[in-house]
Amino acid sequence: CIDGPQCKVTGGYQTDIHSALYMAVITFSTVGFGDIAPKSKLGRCVGSFFMIFGVASFGHLVSELFHLIDDNKNYHRKKSRCTREVFNLIDENETGWISRPEFLRYMLLRQGKVNVDALRQIDQLFDEIDANRNGRLSFEEIE
């Protein structure tokens, strides 16, 4: 085939943009119906790239879906059921109730989002910033 307008006359094969996009989607999605196939060397090279990229993308999609499902299972597994001993550890001010900050701290530790040393450092930073020692921070203390 001679590229350009002479392609069909010299035995080449050309397609319209809709068919080309259809082939790209079918190849990329790894379906490959077989009704359209690249015939030129360049078309086969581009098609090969789409096939490899499509397989890798599909593998990545399956992996991400697996992680999403697994994270959902782990979330429900990590819900806040605990023993009296653990409850007493969470209830730092010994009121018999767990406050929102106490629960937040417990869940961050339990889910592995933060470790005990990091929480201690945060507490120490808070104490350093809390100039009037009232357990609350004003805008002036933070800025």
N, C-alpha and C. Protein backbone atom coordinates (compact mmCIF):
# COMPACT_ATOMS: atom_id res chain seq x y z
N CYS A 1 0.84 -1.18 0.00
CA CYS A 1 0.00 0.00 0.00
C CYS A 1 0.88 1.24 0.00
N ILE A 2 0.51 2.19 -0.79
CA ILE A 2 1.17 3.50 -0.78
C ILE A 2 0.31 4.39 0.11
N ASP A 3 0.92 4.99 1.13
CA ASP A 3 0.16 5.84 2.06
C ASP A 3 -0.52 6.98 1.34
N GLY A 4 -1.66 7.39 1.90
CA GLY A 4 -2.38 8.52 1.37
C GLY A 4 -3.58 8.08 0.54
N PRO A 5 -4.01 8.97 -0.37
CA PRO A 5 -5.21 8.67 -1.16
C PRO A 5 -5.04 7.45 -2.08
N GLN A 6 -3.82 7.04 -2.36
CA GLN A 6 -3.56 5.92 -3.27
C GLN A 6 -3.63 4.56 -2.56
N CYS A 7 -3.84 4.55 -1.24
CA CYS A 7 -3.77 3.33 -0.44
C CYS A 7 -4.74 2.26 -0.93
N LYS A 8 -6.01 2.59 -1.08
CA LYS A 8 -7.01 1.60 -1.50
C LYS A 8 -6.74 1.09 -2.91
N VAL A 9 -6.32 2.00 -3.77
CA VAL A 9 -6.07 1.64 -5.16
C VAL A 9 -4.91 0.66 -5.28
N THR A 10 -3.92 0.81 -4.37
CA THR A 10 -2.73 -0.04 -4.43
C THR A 10 -2.85 -1.27 -3.53
N GLY A 11 -4.07 -1.61 -3.11
CA GLY A 11 -4.30 -2.84 -2.35
C GLY A 11 -4.31 -2.66 -0.84
N GLY A 12 -4.33 -1.43 -0.39
CA GLY A 12 -4.32 -1.16 1.05
C GLY A 12 -5.72 -1.19 1.65
N TYR A 13 -5.79 -0.98 2.93
CA TYR A 13 -7.05 -1.04 3.66
C TYR A 13 -7.15 0.19 4.54
N GLN A 14 -8.25 0.92 4.45
CA GLN A 14 -8.47 2.09 5.29
C GLN A 14 -9.83 1.96 5.94
N THR A 15 -9.97 2.63 7.08
CA THR A 15 -11.22 2.59 7.81
C THR A 15 -11.58 4.00 8.27
N ASP A 16 -12.81 4.20 8.67
CA ASP A 16 -13.20 5.52 9.16
C ASP A 16 -12.89 5.64 10.66
N ILE A 17 -13.05 6.85 11.18
CA ILE A 17 -12.68 7.13 12.56
C ILE A 17 -13.54 6.33 13.55
N HIS A 18 -14.81 6.11 13.24
CA HIS A 18 -15.69 5.36 14.14
C HIS A 18 -15.23 3.91 14.28
N SER A 19 -14.87 3.29 13.18
CA SER A 19 -14.39 1.92 13.22
C SER A 19 -13.05 1.84 13.96
N ALA A 20 -12.21 2.86 13.76
CA ALA A 20 -10.91 2.87 14.45
C ALA A 20 -11.10 3.00 15.96
N LEU A 21 -12.01 3.87 16.38
CA LEU A 21 -12.28 4.01 17.82
C LEU A 21 -12.89 2.74 18.40
N TYR A 22 -13.80 2.13 17.63
CA TYR A 22 -14.41 0.86 18.06
C TYR A 22 -13.33 -0.20 18.27
N MET A 23 -12.41 -0.29 17.32
CA MET A 23 -11.34 -1.28 17.43
C MET A 23 -10.45 -0.98 18.63
N ALA A 24 -10.17 0.30 18.88
CA ALA A 24 -9.33 0.67 20.02
C ALA A 24 -9.99 0.27 21.34
N VAL A 25 -11.28 0.54 21.46
CA VAL A 25 -12.00 0.19 22.70
C VAL A 25 -12.05 -1.32 22.88
N ILE A 26 -12.37 -2.05 21.84
CA ILE A 26 -12.46 -3.51 21.91
C ILE A 26 -11.10 -4.12 22.25
N THR A 27 -10.05 -3.58 21.65
CA THR A 27 -8.70 -4.08 21.92
C THR A 27 -8.26 -3.72 23.33
N PHE A 28 -8.47 -2.46 23.73
CA PHE A 28 -8.05 -1.98 25.05
C PHE A 28 -8.77 -2.73 26.16
N SER A 29 -10.03 -3.04 25.94
CA SER A 29 -10.80 -3.73 26.97
C SER A 29 -10.54 -5.23 26.97
N THR A 30 -9.68 -5.69 26.10
CA THR A 30 -9.27 -7.09 25.95
C THR A 30 -10.41 -8.00 25.51
N VAL A 31 -11.50 -7.43 24.98
CA VAL A 31 -12.60 -8.27 24.49
C VAL A 31 -12.18 -8.93 23.18
N GLY A 32 -11.75 -8.13 22.22
CA GLY A 32 -11.25 -8.65 20.95
C GLY A 32 -12.22 -9.55 20.21
N PHE A 33 -13.32 -8.99 19.71
CA PHE A 33 -14.32 -9.78 18.99
C PHE A 33 -13.74 -10.44 17.74
N GLY A 34 -12.76 -9.82 17.13
CA GLY A 34 -12.17 -10.37 15.92
C GLY A 34 -12.81 -9.87 14.64
N ASP A 35 -13.83 -9.04 14.76
CA ASP A 35 -14.49 -8.53 13.56
C ASP A 35 -13.67 -7.46 12.86
N ILE A 36 -12.80 -6.78 13.61
CA ILE A 36 -11.91 -5.78 13.01
C ILE A 36 -10.51 -6.09 13.53
N ALA A 37 -9.56 -6.10 12.64
CA ALA A 37 -8.17 -6.37 13.03
C ALA A 37 -7.25 -5.46 12.22
N PRO A 38 -6.17 -4.99 12.81
CA PRO A 38 -5.24 -4.15 12.06
C PRO A 38 -4.55 -4.96 10.96
N LYS A 39 -4.35 -4.31 9.82
CA LYS A 39 -3.75 -5.01 8.69
C LYS A 39 -2.35 -4.48 8.36
N SER A 40 -2.06 -3.23 8.68
CA SER A 40 -0.74 -2.68 8.38
C SER A 40 0.22 -2.95 9.54
N LYS A 41 1.51 -2.79 9.28
CA LYS A 41 2.52 -2.98 10.33
C LYS A 41 2.33 -1.96 11.45
N LEU A 42 2.09 -0.71 11.08
CA LEU A 42 1.88 0.33 12.08
C LEU A 42 0.64 0.04 12.91
N GLY A 43 -0.42 -0.40 12.24
CA GLY A 43 -1.66 -0.75 12.93
C GLY A 43 -1.45 -1.89 13.90
N ARG A 44 -0.68 -2.88 13.52
CA ARG A 44 -0.39 -4.01 14.40
C ARG A 44 0.46 -3.57 15.59
N CYS A 45 1.41 -2.66 15.36
CA CYS A 45 2.24 -2.16 16.47
C CYS A 45 1.38 -1.38 17.48
N VAL A 46 0.54 -0.49 16.96
CA VAL A 46 -0.35 0.27 17.83
C VAL A 46 -1.33 -0.67 18.54
N GLY A 47 -1.86 -1.63 17.81
CA GLY A 47 -2.77 -2.62 18.38
C GLY A 47 -2.10 -3.44 19.47
N SER A 48 -0.85 -3.82 19.24
CA SER A 48 -0.10 -4.57 20.26
C SER A 48 0.07 -3.76 21.53
N PHE A 49 0.39 -2.48 21.36
CA PHE A 49 0.51 -1.60 22.53
C PHE A 49 -0.82 -1.54 23.29
N PHE A 50 -1.92 -1.37 22.55
CA PHE A 50 -3.24 -1.33 23.19
C PHE A 50 -3.54 -2.63 23.92
N MET A 51 -3.17 -3.75 23.35
CA MET A 51 -3.43 -5.04 23.98
C MET A 51 -2.66 -5.16 25.30
N ILE A 52 -1.38 -4.85 25.26
CA ILE A 52 -0.55 -4.95 26.48
C ILE A 52 -1.06 -3.97 27.53
N PHE A 53 -1.30 -2.74 27.10
CA PHE A 53 -1.79 -1.72 28.04
C PHE A 53 -3.17 -2.10 28.58
N GLY A 54 -4.01 -2.68 27.74
CA GLY A 54 -5.35 -3.10 28.17
C GLY A 54 -5.29 -4.20 29.21
N VAL A 55 -4.43 -5.18 28.99
CA VAL A 55 -4.28 -6.28 29.95
C VAL A 55 -3.76 -5.73 31.28
N ALA A 56 -2.75 -4.87 31.23
CA ALA A 56 -2.20 -4.29 32.46
C ALA A 56 -3.25 -3.45 33.18
N SER A 57 -4.00 -2.66 32.43
CA SER A 57 -5.04 -1.83 33.04
C SER A 57 -6.14 -2.68 33.67
N PHE A 58 -6.53 -3.75 32.99
CA PHE A 58 -7.55 -4.63 33.54
C PHE A 58 -7.04 -5.30 34.82
N GLY A 59 -5.78 -5.72 34.82
CA GLY A 59 -5.19 -6.29 36.03
C GLY A 59 -5.19 -5.30 37.17
N HIS A 60 -4.87 -4.06 36.87
CA HIS A 60 -4.87 -3.00 37.89
C HIS A 60 -6.29 -2.77 38.41
N LEU A 61 -7.27 -2.77 37.52
CA LEU A 61 -8.66 -2.59 37.92
C LEU A 61 -9.11 -3.70 38.87
N VAL A 62 -8.79 -4.94 38.52
CA VAL A 62 -9.15 -6.07 39.38
C VAL A 62 -8.47 -5.94 40.74
N SER A 63 -7.21 -5.55 40.74
CA SER A 63 -6.48 -5.36 42.00
C SER A 63 -7.13 -4.28 42.86
N GLU A 64 -7.48 -3.16 42.25
CA GLU A 64 -8.11 -2.07 43.01
C GLU A 64 -9.48 -2.49 43.55
N LEU A 65 -10.24 -3.23 42.77
CA LEU A 65 -11.54 -3.72 43.25
C LEU A 65 -11.35 -4.67 44.43
N PHE A 66 -10.35 -5.53 44.34
CA PHE A 66 -10.05 -6.44 45.45
C PHE A 66 -9.71 -5.66 46.71
N HIS A 67 -8.85 -4.63 46.58
CA HIS A 67 -8.47 -3.82 47.74
C HIS A 67 -9.67 -3.07 48.31
N LEU A 68 -10.55 -2.60 47.46
CA LEU A 68 -11.75 -1.91 47.92
C LEU A 68 -12.63 -2.85 48.74
N ILE A 69 -12.84 -4.04 48.23
CA ILE A 69 -13.65 -5.03 48.96
C ILE A 69 -12.96 -5.43 50.25
N ASP A 70 -11.65 -5.64 50.20
CA ASP A 70 -10.90 -6.04 51.39
C ASP A 70 -10.90 -4.94 52.44
N ASP A 71 -10.73 -3.68 52.02
CA ASP A 71 -10.78 -2.55 52.96
C ASP A 71 -12.15 -2.46 53.62
N ASN A 72 -13.20 -2.70 52.86
CA ASN A 72 -14.55 -2.67 53.41
C ASN A 72 -14.72 -3.77 54.46
N LYS A 73 -14.23 -4.96 54.18
CA LYS A 73 -14.30 -6.06 55.15
C LYS A 73 -13.51 -5.70 56.41
N ASN A 74 -12.30 -5.15 56.22
CA ASN A 74 -11.47 -4.77 57.37
C ASN A 74 -12.12 -3.68 58.20
N TYR A 75 -12.79 -2.74 57.55
CA TYR A 75 -13.46 -1.67 58.28
C TYR A 75 -14.51 -2.26 59.22
N HIS A 76 -15.32 -3.15 58.69
CA HIS A 76 -16.37 -3.74 59.53
C HIS A 76 -15.79 -4.65 60.60
N ARG A 77 -14.68 -5.29 60.30
CA ARG A 77 -14.04 -6.16 61.26
C ARG A 77 -13.43 -5.35 62.41
N LYS A 78 -13.00 -4.13 62.09
CA LYS A 78 -12.33 -3.30 63.08
C LYS A 78 -13.28 -2.40 63.87
N LYS A 79 -14.57 -2.63 63.75
CA LYS A 79 -15.51 -1.81 64.50
C LYS A 79 -15.23 -1.95 65.99
N SER A 80 -15.84 -1.12 66.76
CA SER A 80 -15.42 -0.89 68.13
C SER A 80 -16.00 -1.84 69.16
N ARG A 81 -15.81 -3.11 69.05
CA ARG A 81 -16.19 -4.04 70.11
C ARG A 81 -14.96 -4.24 70.99
N CYS A 82 -15.17 -4.17 72.29
CA CYS A 82 -14.02 -4.31 73.17
C CYS A 82 -14.43 -4.88 74.53
N THR A 83 -13.44 -5.28 75.30
CA THR A 83 -13.68 -5.82 76.64
C THR A 83 -13.73 -4.68 77.65
N ARG A 84 -14.12 -4.98 78.88
CA ARG A 84 -14.16 -3.97 79.95
C ARG A 84 -12.75 -3.42 80.20
N GLU A 85 -11.76 -4.29 80.13
CA GLU A 85 -10.37 -3.86 80.36
C GLU A 85 -9.95 -2.82 79.31
N VAL A 86 -10.26 -3.10 78.07
CA VAL A 86 -9.92 -2.16 76.99
C VAL A 86 -10.72 -0.87 77.15
N PHE A 87 -11.99 -1.00 77.49
CA PHE A 87 -12.83 0.18 77.71
C PHE A 87 -12.20 1.08 78.77
N ASN A 88 -11.74 0.48 79.86
CA ASN A 88 -11.13 1.26 80.94
C ASN A 88 -9.85 1.96 80.48
N LEU A 89 -9.12 1.33 79.56
CA LEU A 89 -7.93 1.98 79.01
C LEU A 89 -8.30 3.17 78.12
N ILE A 90 -9.38 3.02 77.37
CA ILE A 90 -9.84 4.10 76.48
C ILE A 90 -10.34 5.28 77.31
N ASP A 91 -11.06 4.99 78.37
CA ASP A 91 -11.66 6.01 79.24
C ASP A 91 -10.57 6.64 80.10
N GLU A 92 -9.76 7.50 79.48
CA GLU A 92 -8.58 8.07 80.13
C GLU A 92 -8.91 8.91 81.36
N ASN A 93 -10.05 9.60 81.35
CA ASN A 93 -10.40 10.45 82.49
C ASN A 93 -11.30 9.72 83.50
N GLU A 94 -11.48 8.41 83.29
CA GLU A 94 -12.20 7.54 84.23
C GLU A 94 -13.60 8.04 84.60
N THR A 95 -14.36 8.45 83.61
CA THR A 95 -15.71 8.94 83.84
C THR A 95 -16.75 7.82 83.68
N GLY A 96 -16.33 6.69 83.11
CA GLY A 96 -17.29 5.64 82.81
C GLY A 96 -17.92 5.82 81.44
N TRP A 97 -17.54 6.89 80.76
CA TRP A 97 -18.02 7.18 79.41
C TRP A 97 -16.80 7.43 78.53
N ILE A 98 -16.94 7.09 77.25
CA ILE A 98 -15.87 7.39 76.30
C ILE A 98 -16.28 8.61 75.51
N SER A 99 -15.47 9.63 75.59
CA SER A 99 -15.76 10.86 74.84
C SER A 99 -15.37 10.67 73.38
N ARG A 100 -15.80 11.58 72.55
CA ARG A 100 -15.44 11.52 71.12
C ARG A 100 -13.91 11.54 70.94
N PRO A 101 -13.17 12.45 71.61
CA PRO A 101 -11.71 12.42 71.44
C PRO A 101 -11.08 11.10 71.90
N GLU A 102 -11.60 10.51 72.99
CA GLU A 102 -11.07 9.23 73.46
C GLU A 102 -11.35 8.13 72.44
N PHE A 103 -12.55 8.12 71.89
CA PHE A 103 -12.92 7.12 70.89
C PHE A 103 -12.08 7.29 69.62
N LEU A 104 -11.91 8.53 69.19
CA LEU A 104 -11.10 8.82 68.01
C LEU A 104 -9.67 8.31 68.20
N ARG A 105 -9.09 8.61 69.34
CA ARG A 105 -7.73 8.17 69.66
C ARG A 105 -7.64 6.63 69.62
N TYR A 106 -8.61 5.98 70.24
CA TYR A 106 -8.65 4.52 70.28
C TYR A 106 -8.74 3.92 68.87
N MET A 107 -9.65 4.45 68.05
CA MET A 107 -9.83 3.91 66.71
C MET A 107 -8.61 4.15 65.82
N LEU A 108 -7.97 5.31 65.96
CA LEU A 108 -6.76 5.57 65.18
C LEU A 108 -5.66 4.56 65.53
N LEU A 109 -5.54 4.26 66.81
CA LEU A 109 -4.56 3.25 67.23
C LEU A 109 -4.96 1.86 66.76
N ARG A 110 -6.20 1.50 66.95
CA ARG A 110 -6.68 0.16 66.62
C ARG A 110 -6.56 -0.13 65.12
N GLN A 111 -6.84 0.86 64.29
CA GLN A 111 -6.78 0.67 62.84
C GLN A 111 -5.37 0.87 62.28
N GLY A 112 -4.42 1.16 63.16
CA GLY A 112 -3.04 1.30 62.71
C GLY A 112 -2.78 2.58 61.95
N LYS A 113 -3.64 3.57 62.09
CA LYS A 113 -3.45 4.84 61.38
C LYS A 113 -2.38 5.69 62.05
N VAL A 114 -2.16 5.45 63.34
CA VAL A 114 -1.19 6.21 64.11
C VAL A 114 -0.65 5.29 65.20
N ASN A 115 0.56 5.57 65.68
CA ASN A 115 1.10 4.75 66.76
C ASN A 115 1.13 5.55 68.07
N VAL A 116 1.39 4.87 69.17
CA VAL A 116 1.34 5.49 70.49
C VAL A 116 2.35 6.63 70.60
N ASP A 117 3.55 6.45 70.04
CA ASP A 117 4.57 7.50 70.11
C ASP A 117 4.11 8.78 69.41
N ALA A 118 3.47 8.62 68.26
CA ALA A 118 2.97 9.79 67.53
C ALA A 118 1.92 10.52 68.37
N LEU A 119 1.03 9.78 69.02
CA LEU A 119 0.02 10.42 69.87
C LEU A 119 0.67 11.14 71.05
N ARG A 120 1.70 10.55 71.61
CA ARG A 120 2.41 11.21 72.73
C ARG A 120 3.05 12.52 72.26
N GLN A 121 3.64 12.48 71.07
CA GLN A 121 4.25 13.70 70.52
C GLN A 121 3.20 14.77 70.27
N ILE A 122 2.04 14.37 69.77
CA ILE A 122 0.96 15.33 69.53
C ILE A 122 0.48 15.92 70.85
N ASP A 123 0.33 15.07 71.87
CA ASP A 123 -0.06 15.56 73.21
C ASP A 123 0.97 16.54 73.76
N GLN A 124 2.23 16.22 73.59
CA GLN A 124 3.31 17.08 74.07
C GLN A 124 3.27 18.43 73.33
N LEU A 125 3.06 18.41 72.03
CA LEU A 125 2.96 19.64 71.25
C LEU A 125 1.78 20.48 71.73
N PHE A 126 0.65 19.83 71.96
CA PHE A 126 -0.53 20.55 72.46
C PHE A 126 -0.20 21.23 73.79
N ASP A 127 0.44 20.50 74.70
CA ASP A 127 0.79 21.06 76.01
C ASP A 127 1.73 22.26 75.87
N GLU A 128 2.65 22.19 74.92
CA GLU A 128 3.58 23.30 74.70
C GLU A 128 2.86 24.53 74.15
N ILE A 129 1.88 24.32 73.29
CA ILE A 129 1.16 25.44 72.68
C ILE A 129 0.14 26.03 73.64
N ASP A 130 -0.44 25.21 74.51
CA ASP A 130 -1.49 25.64 75.44
C ASP A 130 -0.87 26.52 76.54
N ALA A 131 -0.69 27.80 76.21
CA ALA A 131 0.01 28.73 77.11
C ALA A 131 -0.71 28.91 78.44
N ASN A 132 -2.02 29.01 78.45
CA ASN A 132 -2.75 29.25 79.70
C ASN A 132 -3.17 27.96 80.40
N ARG A 133 -2.77 26.80 79.85
CA ARG A 133 -2.99 25.49 80.47
C ARG A 133 -4.46 25.19 80.78
N ASN A 134 -5.37 25.61 79.90
CA ASN A 134 -6.79 25.35 80.15
C ASN A 134 -7.31 24.15 79.34
N GLY A 135 -6.42 23.48 78.60
CA GLY A 135 -6.83 22.31 77.84
C GLY A 135 -7.51 22.63 76.52
N ARG A 136 -7.50 23.91 76.14
CA ARG A 136 -8.07 24.35 74.87
C ARG A 136 -7.10 25.31 74.22
N LEU A 137 -7.14 25.37 72.89
CA LEU A 137 -6.25 26.27 72.16
C LEU A 137 -7.05 27.37 71.49
N SER A 138 -6.60 28.58 71.68
CA SER A 138 -7.20 29.72 70.99
C SER A 138 -6.45 29.94 69.68
N PHE A 139 -7.01 30.75 68.82
CA PHE A 139 -6.35 31.07 67.56
C PHE A 139 -5.00 31.72 67.81
N GLU A 140 -4.95 32.60 68.81
CA GLU A 140 -3.70 33.29 69.14
C GLU A 140 -2.62 32.31 69.58
N GLU A 141 -2.99 31.27 70.28
CA GLU A 141 -2.00 30.27 70.73
C GLU A 141 -1.49 29.44 69.55
N ILE A 142 -2.34 29.19 68.58
CA ILE A 142 -1.95 28.35 67.44
C ILE A 142 -1.14 29.12 66.41
N GLU A 143 -1.49 30.40 66.18
CA GLU A 143 -0.80 31.12 65.10
C GLU A 143 0.59 31.40 65.43
